[in-house]
Protein backbone atom coordinates (compact mmCIF):
# COMPACT_ATOMS: atom_id res chain seq x y z
CA UNK A 1 8.84 27.96 20.74
CA UNK A 2 7.14 24.79 22.00
CA UNK A 3 7.84 21.79 19.97
CA UNK A 4 5.31 19.01 19.35
CA UNK A 5 5.92 15.49 18.88
CA UNK A 6 4.40 14.18 15.55
CA UNK A 7 3.69 10.56 15.54
CA UNK A 8 2.61 9.12 12.22
CA UNK A 9 1.06 5.69 11.90
CA UNK A 10 0.12 3.81 8.86
CA UNK A 11 -3.30 2.32 8.56
CA UNK A 12 -2.39 -1.31 7.29
CA UNK A 13 -5.75 -2.72 6.61
CA UNK A 14 -6.99 0.64 4.82
CA UNK A 15 -3.69 0.82 2.72
CA UNK A 16 -4.25 -2.93 1.66
CA UNK A 17 -7.90 -1.85 0.67
CA UNK A 18 -6.58 0.80 -1.33
CA UNK A 19 -4.19 -1.22 -3.03
CA UNK A 20 -6.92 -3.80 -3.91
CA UNK A 21 -9.15 -0.73 -5.21
CA UNK A 22 -6.46 0.57 -7.30
CA UNK A 23 -5.75 -2.96 -8.78
CA UNK A 24 -9.50 -3.48 -9.57
CA UNK A 25 -9.93 -0.08 -10.97
CA UNK A 26 -7.33 -1.22 -13.55
CA UNK A 27 -8.89 -4.54 -14.32
CA UNK A 28 -5.94 -6.50 -12.99
CA UNK A 29 -5.93 -9.75 -11.14
CA UNK A 30 -3.62 -10.72 -8.22
CA UNK A 31 -1.89 -12.93 -10.68
CA UNK A 32 -1.19 -10.03 -13.16
CA UNK A 33 0.15 -8.01 -10.07
CA UNK A 34 2.37 -10.94 -9.02
CA UNK A 35 3.79 -11.31 -12.44
CA UNK A 36 4.86 -7.60 -12.62
CA UNK A 37 7.07 -8.08 -9.61
CA UNK A 38 10.03 -10.26 -10.38
CA UNK A 39 10.51 -11.99 -7.12
CA UNK A 40 6.82 -11.99 -6.12
CA UNK A 41 4.07 -14.57 -6.34
CA UNK A 42 0.44 -14.36 -6.03
CA UNK A 43 0.67 -15.03 -2.06
CA UNK A 44 3.26 -12.30 -1.78
CA UNK A 45 0.97 -9.68 -3.49
CA UNK A 46 -2.20 -11.02 -1.53
CA UNK A 47 -0.23 -10.25 1.74
CA UNK A 48 0.04 -6.56 0.55
CA UNK A 49 -3.64 -6.26 0.12
CA UNK A 50 -4.30 -8.06 3.59
CA UNK A 51 -1.28 -6.78 5.25
CA UNK A 52 0.23 -7.67 8.86
CA UNK A 53 3.23 -5.45 8.30
CA UNK A 54 4.25 -2.40 5.94
CA UNK A 55 5.27 -3.25 2.54
CA UNK A 56 8.96 -2.52 1.52
CA UNK A 57 9.46 1.17 0.21
CA UNK A 58 10.79 -0.36 -3.11
CA UNK A 59 7.47 -2.34 -3.58
CA UNK A 60 5.35 0.80 -2.80
CA UNK A 61 7.34 2.75 -5.44
CA UNK A 62 6.82 0.05 -8.03
CA UNK A 63 2.94 0.07 -7.14
CA UNK A 64 2.85 3.80 -7.48
CA UNK A 65 4.64 3.52 -10.99
CA UNK A 66 2.17 0.61 -12.15
CA UNK A 67 -0.99 2.48 -10.96
CA UNK A 68 0.28 5.94 -12.06
CA UNK A 69 -0.17 7.45 -8.52
CA UNK A 70 2.13 9.00 -6.03
CA UNK A 71 3.15 6.68 -2.96
CA UNK A 72 0.90 9.05 -0.77
CA UNK A 73 -1.98 8.11 -2.90
CA UNK A 74 -1.58 4.53 -1.75
CA UNK A 75 -0.63 4.79 1.87
CA UNK A 76 -3.46 5.61 4.28
CA UNK A 77 -2.42 7.42 7.44
CA UNK A 78 -4.23 6.79 10.80
CA UNK A 79 -5.93 9.88 12.25
CA UNK A 80 -4.57 10.48 15.75
CA UNK A 81 -7.88 12.03 16.71
CA UNK A 82 -9.63 8.73 16.08
CA UNK A 83 -7.51 6.54 18.32
């Protein structure tokens, strides 16, 4: 049986847009979001919507809880066919 290497990449920009969409659908401001996270501030939350690196899994889990979605509903996977 031949094995195939699978490479999964997160689309950071699209994931940030998804976080923003989920926040706005719930009528929350960035300041509201920052207050939900004990160690976060508005600038930290802003960096999740305009990411340059992946969010920590703990924060993804907290966002999923807050938005009442699965982590998979937040993360956007890059389509390897588009690259």
